[in-house]
Amino acid sequence: ADGIYGSTFYLATGFHGFHVLIGALF
């Protein structure tokens, strides 16, 4: 909630972390 950097940071790194999890399961 701390502005555009915080929301962009959590969105982008969260999606990347999700893809890492999917890749690890793969």
PDB file of all heavy atoms in Angstrom:
ATOM      1  N   ALA A   1       0.805  -1.222   0.000  1.00  0.00           N
ATOM      2  CA  ALA A   1       0.000   0.000   0.000  1.00  0.00           C
ATOM      3  C   ALA A   1       0.839   1.274   0.000  1.00  0.00           C
ATOM      4  O   ALA A   1       0.286   2.367   0.087  1.00  0.00           O
ATOM      5  CB  ALA A   1      -0.919  -0.002   1.216  1.00  0.00           C
ATOM      6  N   ASP A   2       2.159   1.159  -0.107  1.00  0.00           N
ATOM      7  CA  ASP A   2       3.044   2.327  -0.030  1.00  0.00           C
ATOM      8  C   ASP A   2       3.342   2.960  -1.385  1.00  0.00           C
ATOM      9  O   ASP A   2       4.437   3.455  -1.614  1.00  0.00           O
ATOM     10  CB  ASP A   2       4.365   1.940   0.642  1.00  0.00           C
ATOM     11  CG  ASP A   2       4.221   1.768   2.130  1.00  0.00           C
ATOM     12  OD1 ASP A   2       3.209   2.236   2.680  1.00  0.00           O
ATOM     13  OD2 ASP A   2       5.119   1.163   2.742  1.00  0.00           O
ATOM     14  N   GLY A   3       2.406   2.957  -2.265  1.00  0.00           N
ATOM     15  CA  GLY A   3       2.599   3.628  -3.540  1.00  0.00           C
ATOM     16  C   GLY A   3       2.889   2.667  -4.667  1.00  0.00           C
ATOM     17  O   GLY A   3       2.772   1.445  -4.544  1.00  0.00           O
ATOM     18  N   ILE A   4       3.295   3.251  -5.780  1.00  0.00           N
ATOM     19  CA  ILE A   4       3.488   2.469  -6.995  1.00  0.00           C
ATOM     20  C   ILE A   4       4.662   1.496  -6.878  1.00  0.00           C
ATOM     21  O   ILE A   4       4.600   0.384  -7.399  1.00  0.00           O
ATOM     22  CB  ILE A   4       3.636   3.400  -8.227  1.00  0.00           C
ATOM     23  CG1 ILE A   4       3.548   2.615  -9.523  1.00  0.00           C
ATOM     24  CG2 ILE A   4       4.933   4.179  -8.168  1.00  0.00           C
ATOM     25  CD1 ILE A   4       2.197   2.076  -9.819  1.00  0.00           C
ATOM     26  N   TYR A   5       5.735   1.875  -6.194  1.00  0.00           N
ATOM     27  CA  TYR A   5       6.876   0.960  -6.079  1.00  0.00           C
ATOM     28  C   TYR A   5       6.496  -0.278  -5.278  1.00  0.00           C
ATOM     29  O   TYR A   5       6.803  -1.404  -5.685  1.00  0.00           O
ATOM     30  CB  TYR A   5       8.088   1.636  -5.442  1.00  0.00           C
ATOM     31  CG  TYR A   5       9.276   0.713  -5.361  1.00  0.00           C
ATOM     32  CD1 TYR A   5      10.057   0.476  -6.485  1.00  0.00           C
ATOM     33  CD2 TYR A   5       9.602   0.058  -4.178  1.00  0.00           C
ATOM     34  CE1 TYR A   5      11.136  -0.387  -6.441  1.00  0.00           C
ATOM     35  CE2 TYR A   5      10.680  -0.806  -4.117  1.00  0.00           C
ATOM     36  CZ  TYR A   5      11.433  -1.027  -5.251  1.00  0.00           C
ATOM     37  OH  TYR A   5      12.494  -1.885  -5.200  1.00  0.00           O
ATOM     38  N   GLY A   6       5.826  -0.094  -4.149  1.00  0.00           N
ATOM     39  CA  GLY A   6       5.440  -1.232  -3.324  1.00  0.00           C
ATOM     40  C   GLY A   6       4.492  -2.169  -4.041  1.00  0.00           C
ATOM     41  O   GLY A   6       4.667  -3.398  -4.020  1.00  0.00           O
ATOM     42  N   SER A   7       3.495  -1.611  -4.700  1.00  0.00           N
ATOM     43  CA  SER A   7       2.536  -2.473  -5.397  1.00  0.00           C
ATOM     44  C   SER A   7       3.181  -3.171  -6.592  1.00  0.00           C
ATOM     45  O   SER A   7       2.932  -4.349  -6.831  1.00  0.00           O
ATOM     46  CB  SER A   7       1.310  -1.674  -5.825  1.00  0.00           C
ATOM     47  OG  SER A   7       1.670  -0.626  -6.674  1.00  0.00           O
ATOM     48  N   THR A   8       4.032  -2.458  -7.318  1.00  0.00           N
ATOM     49  CA  THR A   8       4.726  -3.087  -8.445  1.00  0.00           C
ATOM     50  C   THR A   8       5.691  -4.158  -7.965  1.00  0.00           C
ATOM     51  O   THR A   8       5.784  -5.238  -8.560  1.00  0.00           O
ATOM     52  CB  THR A   8       5.487  -2.021  -9.259  1.00  0.00           C
ATOM     53  OG1 THR A   8       4.568  -1.030  -9.687  1.00  0.00           O
ATOM     54  CG2 THR A   8       6.186  -2.629 -10.451  1.00  0.00           C
ATOM     55  N   PHE A   9       6.405  -3.868  -6.888  1.00  0.00           N
ATOM     56  CA  PHE A   9       7.360  -4.826  -6.342  1.00  0.00           C
ATOM     57  C   PHE A   9       6.667  -6.128  -5.944  1.00  0.00           C
ATOM     58  O   PHE A   9       7.075  -7.216  -6.356  1.00  0.00           O
ATOM     59  CB  PHE A   9       8.065  -4.221  -5.123  1.00  0.00           C
ATOM     60  CG  PHE A   9       8.943  -5.190  -4.391  1.00  0.00           C
ATOM     61  CD1 PHE A   9      10.221  -5.444  -4.848  1.00  0.00           C
ATOM     62  CD2 PHE A   9       8.492  -5.846  -3.262  1.00  0.00           C
ATOM     63  CE1 PHE A   9      11.044  -6.344  -4.184  1.00  0.00           C
ATOM     64  CE2 PHE A   9       9.296  -6.743  -2.590  1.00  0.00           C
ATOM     65  CZ  PHE A   9      10.578  -6.996  -3.050  1.00  0.00           C
ATOM     66  N   TYR A  10       5.614  -6.015  -5.148  1.00  0.00           N
ATOM     67  CA  TYR A  10       4.939  -7.223  -4.677  1.00  0.00           C
ATOM     68  C   TYR A  10       4.216  -7.960  -5.797  1.00  0.00           C
ATOM     69  O   TYR A  10       4.196  -9.193  -5.814  1.00  0.00           O
ATOM     70  CB  TYR A  10       3.979  -6.893  -3.534  1.00  0.00           C
ATOM     71  CG  TYR A  10       4.696  -6.660  -2.232  1.00  0.00           C
ATOM     72  CD1 TYR A  10       4.847  -5.379  -1.719  1.00  0.00           C
ATOM     73  CD2 TYR A  10       5.248  -7.714  -1.530  1.00  0.00           C
ATOM     74  CE1 TYR A  10       5.514  -5.159  -0.529  1.00  0.00           C
ATOM     75  CE2 TYR A  10       5.923  -7.510  -0.340  1.00  0.00           C
ATOM     76  CZ  TYR A  10       6.046  -6.227   0.146  1.00  0.00           C
ATOM     77  OH  TYR A  10       6.727  -6.024   1.320  1.00  0.00           O
ATOM     78  N   LEU A  11       3.648  -7.240  -6.744  1.00  0.00           N
ATOM     79  CA  LEU A  11       2.978  -7.889  -7.863  1.00  0.00           C
ATOM     80  C   LEU A  11       3.980  -8.655  -8.722  1.00  0.00           C
ATOM     81  O   LEU A  11       3.789  -9.840  -9.007  1.00  0.00           O
ATOM     82  CB  LEU A  11       2.237  -6.861  -8.721  1.00  0.00           C
ATOM     83  CG  LEU A  11       1.558  -7.431  -9.953  1.00  0.00           C
ATOM     84  CD1 LEU A  11       0.280  -8.150  -9.551  1.00  0.00           C
ATOM     85  CD2 LEU A  11       1.274  -6.344 -10.955  1.00  0.00           C
ATOM     86  N   ALA A  12       5.056  -7.988  -9.129  1.00  0.00           N
ATOM     87  CA  ALA A  12       6.027  -8.609 -10.035  1.00  0.00           C
ATOM     88  C   ALA A  12       6.780  -9.753  -9.358  1.00  0.00           C
ATOM     89  O   ALA A  12       6.913 -10.841  -9.931  1.00  0.00           O
ATOM     90  CB  ALA A  12       7.005  -7.561 -10.544  1.00  0.00           C
ATOM     91  N   THR A  13       7.278  -9.527  -8.151  1.00  0.00           N
ATOM     92  CA  THR A  13       8.033 -10.599  -7.483  1.00  0.00           C
ATOM     93  C   THR A  13       7.113 -11.716  -7.015  1.00  0.00           C
ATOM     94  O   THR A  13       7.521 -12.877  -6.959  1.00  0.00           O
ATOM     95  CB  THR A  13       8.856 -10.047  -6.305  1.00  0.00           C
ATOM     96  OG1 THR A  13       7.979  -9.424  -5.363  1.00  0.00           O
ATOM     97  CG2 THR A  13       9.908  -9.069  -6.787  1.00  0.00           C
ATOM     98  N   GLY A  14       5.870 -11.384  -6.697  1.00  0.00           N
ATOM     99  CA  GLY A  14       4.918 -12.431  -6.314  1.00  0.00           C
ATOM    100  C   GLY A  14       4.580 -13.347  -7.476  1.00  0.00           C
ATOM    101  O   GLY A  14       4.548 -14.568  -7.333  1.00  0.00           O
ATOM    102  N   PHE A  15       4.341 -12.750  -8.655  1.00  0.00           N
ATOM    103  CA  PHE A  15       4.099 -13.571  -9.840  1.00  0.00           C
ATOM    104  C   PHE A  15       5.322 -14.406 -10.186  1.00  0.00           C
ATOM    105  O   PHE A  15       5.204 -15.567 -10.575  1.00  0.00           O
ATOM    106  CB  PHE A  15       3.701 -12.707 -11.038  1.00  0.00           C
ATOM    107  CG  PHE A  15       2.234 -12.469 -11.136  1.00  0.00           C
ATOM    108  CD1 PHE A  15       1.743 -11.187 -11.255  1.00  0.00           C
ATOM    109  CD2 PHE A  15       1.332 -13.522 -11.121  1.00  0.00           C
ATOM    110  CE1 PHE A  15       0.388 -10.952 -11.361  1.00  0.00           C
ATOM    111  CE2 PHE A  15      -0.023 -13.306 -11.218  1.00  0.00           C
ATOM    112  CZ  PHE A  15      -0.508 -12.018 -11.335  1.00  0.00           C
ATOM    113  N   HIS A  16       6.497 -13.812 -10.040  1.00  0.00           N
ATOM    114  CA  HIS A  16       7.709 -14.579 -10.329  1.00  0.00           C
ATOM    115  C   HIS A  16       7.856 -15.740  -9.344  1.00  0.00           C
ATOM    116  O   HIS A  16       8.183 -16.857  -9.748  1.00  0.00           O
ATOM    117  CB  HIS A  16       8.945 -13.684 -10.279  1.00  0.00           C
ATOM    118  CG  HIS A  16      10.200 -14.443 -10.550  1.00  0.00           C
ATOM    119  ND1 HIS A  16      10.512 -14.940 -11.787  1.00  0.00           N
ATOM    120  CD2 HIS A  16      11.213 -14.816  -9.737  1.00  0.00           C
ATOM    121  CE1 HIS A  16      11.661 -15.578 -11.725  1.00  0.00           C
ATOM    122  NE2 HIS A  16      12.103 -15.518 -10.495  1.00  0.00           N
ATOM    123  N   GLY A  17       7.621 -15.483  -8.061  1.00  0.00           N
ATOM    124  CA  GLY A  17       7.684 -16.557  -7.073  1.00  0.00           C
ATOM    125  C   GLY A  17       6.694 -17.663  -7.375  1.00  0.00           C
ATOM    126  O   GLY A  17       6.993 -18.851  -7.213  1.00  0.00           O
ATOM    127  N   PHE A  18       5.493 -17.290  -7.827  1.00  0.00           N
ATOM    128  CA  PHE A  18       4.497 -18.295  -8.214  1.00  0.00           C
ATOM    129  C   PHE A  18       5.012 -19.135  -9.376  1.00  0.00           C
ATOM    130  O   PHE A  18       4.868 -20.366  -9.382  1.00  0.00           O
ATOM    131  CB  PHE A  18       3.184 -17.605  -8.579  1.00  0.00           C
ATOM    132  CG  PHE A  18       2.139 -18.544  -9.091  1.00  0.00           C
ATOM    133  CD1 PHE A  18       1.494 -19.415  -8.225  1.00  0.00           C
ATOM    134  CD2 PHE A  18       1.803 -18.560 -10.430  1.00  0.00           C
ATOM    135  CE1 PHE A  18       0.528 -20.287  -8.693  1.00  0.00           C
ATOM    136  CE2 PHE A  18       0.835 -19.423 -10.905  1.00  0.00           C
ATOM    137  CZ  PHE A  18       0.191 -20.295 -10.034  1.00  0.00           C
ATOM    138  N   HIS A  19       5.641 -18.497 -10.359  1.00  0.00           N
ATOM    139  CA  HIS A  19       6.180 -19.236 -11.494  1.00  0.00           C
ATOM    140  C   HIS A  19       7.358 -20.122 -11.088  1.00  0.00           C
ATOM    141  O   HIS A  19       7.554 -21.201 -11.650  1.00  0.00           O
ATOM    142  CB  HIS A  19       6.573 -18.280 -12.617  1.00  0.00           C
ATOM    143  CG  HIS A  19       5.398 -17.790 -13.385  1.00  0.00           C
ATOM    144  ND1 HIS A  19       4.739 -16.632 -13.050  1.00  0.00           N
ATOM    145  CD2 HIS A  19       4.744 -18.301 -14.450  1.00  0.00           C
ATOM    146  CE1 HIS A  19       3.734 -16.452 -13.895  1.00  0.00           C
ATOM    147  NE2 HIS A  19       3.713 -17.459 -14.751  1.00  0.00           N
ATOM    148  N   VAL A  20       8.149 -19.682 -10.121  1.00  0.00           N
ATOM    149  CA  VAL A  20       9.226 -20.533  -9.603  1.00  0.00           C
ATOM    150  C   VAL A  20       8.617 -21.775  -8.946  1.00  0.00           C
ATOM    151  O   VAL A  20       9.097 -22.895  -9.138  1.00  0.00           O
ATOM    152  CB  VAL A  20      10.121 -19.763  -8.611  1.00  0.00           C
ATOM    153  CG1 VAL A  20      11.037 -20.699  -7.847  1.00  0.00           C
ATOM    154  CG2 VAL A  20      10.941 -18.722  -9.350  1.00  0.00           C
ATOM    155  N   LEU A  21       7.557 -21.587  -8.177  1.00  0.00           N
ATOM    156  CA  LEU A  21       6.887 -22.725  -7.537  1.00  0.00           C
ATOM    157  C   LEU A  21       6.351 -23.697  -8.586  1.00  0.00           C
ATOM    158  O   LEU A  21       6.544 -24.917  -8.470  1.00  0.00           O
ATOM    159  CB  LEU A  21       5.755 -22.224  -6.639  1.00  0.00           C
ATOM    160  CG  LEU A  21       4.935 -23.296  -5.949  1.00  0.00           C
ATOM    161  CD1 LEU A  21       5.794 -24.088  -4.966  1.00  0.00           C
ATOM    162  CD2 LEU A  21       3.750 -22.662  -5.237  1.00  0.00           C
ATOM    163  N   ILE A  22       5.692 -23.187  -9.620  1.00  0.00           N
ATOM    164  CA  ILE A  22       5.170 -24.045 -10.689  1.00  0.00           C
ATOM    165  C   ILE A  22       6.316 -24.764 -11.403  1.00  0.00           C
ATOM    166  O   ILE A  22       6.239 -25.960 -11.680  1.00  0.00           O
ATOM    167  CB  ILE A  22       4.331 -23.227 -11.689  1.00  0.00           C
ATOM    168  CG1 ILE A  22       3.106 -22.641 -10.994  1.00  0.00           C
ATOM    169  CG2 ILE A  22       3.926 -24.061 -12.897  1.00  0.00           C
ATOM    170  CD1 ILE A  22       2.180 -23.650 -10.381  1.00  0.00           C
ATOM    171  N   GLY A  23       7.405 -24.042 -11.687  1.00  0.00           N
ATOM    172  CA  GLY A  23       8.562 -24.664 -12.333  1.00  0.00           C
ATOM    173  C   GLY A  23       9.189 -25.746 -11.465  1.00  0.00           C
ATOM    174  O   GLY A  23       9.614 -26.790 -11.974  1.00  0.00           O
ATOM    175  N   ALA A  24       9.250 -25.504 -10.159  1.00  0.00           N
ATOM    176  CA  ALA A  24       9.797 -26.518  -9.257  1.00  0.00           C
ATOM    177  C   ALA A  24       8.911 -27.766  -9.245  1.00  0.00           C
ATOM    178  O   ALA A  24       9.419 -28.896  -9.249  1.00  0.00           O
ATOM    179  CB  ALA A  24       9.931 -25.951  -7.854  1.00  0.00           C
ATOM    180  N   LEU A  25       7.604 -27.570  -9.262  1.00  0.00           N
ATOM    181  CA  LEU A  25       6.694 -28.724  -9.334  1.00  0.00           C
ATOM    182  C   LEU A  25       6.837 -29.455 -10.660  1.00  0.00           C
ATOM    183  O   LEU A  25       6.801 -30.686 -10.709  1.00  0.00           O
ATOM    184  CB  LEU A  25       5.252 -28.267  -9.125  1.00  0.00           C
ATOM    185  CG  LEU A  25       4.910 -27.745  -7.745  1.00  0.00           C
ATOM    186  CD1 LEU A  25       3.492 -27.205  -7.709  1.00  0.00           C
ATOM    187  CD2 LEU A  25       5.096 -28.832  -6.696  1.00  0.00           C
ATOM    188  N   PHE A  26       7.025 -28.693 -11.721  1.00  0.00           N
ATOM    189  CA  PHE A  26       7.240 -29.260 -13.049  1.00  0.00           C
ATOM    190  C   PHE A  26       8.489 -30.149 -13.049  1.00  0.00           C
ATOM    191  O   PHE A  26       8.478 -31.280 -13.548  1.00  0.00           O
ATOM    192  CB  PHE A  26       7.397 -28.112 -14.030  1.00  0.00           C
ATOM    193  CG  PHE A  26       7.043 -28.393 -15.462  1.00  0.00           C
ATOM    194  CD1 PHE A  26       7.003 -27.349 -16.370  1.00  0.00           C
ATOM    195  CD2 PHE A  26       6.757 -29.658 -15.925  1.00  0.00           C
ATOM    196  CE1 PHE A  26       6.692 -27.563 -17.693  1.00  0.00           C
ATOM    197  CE2 PHE A  26       6.445 -29.895 -17.244  1.00  0.00           C
ATOM    198  CZ  PHE A  26       6.408 -28.838 -18.127  1.00  0.00           C
TER     199      PHE A  26
END
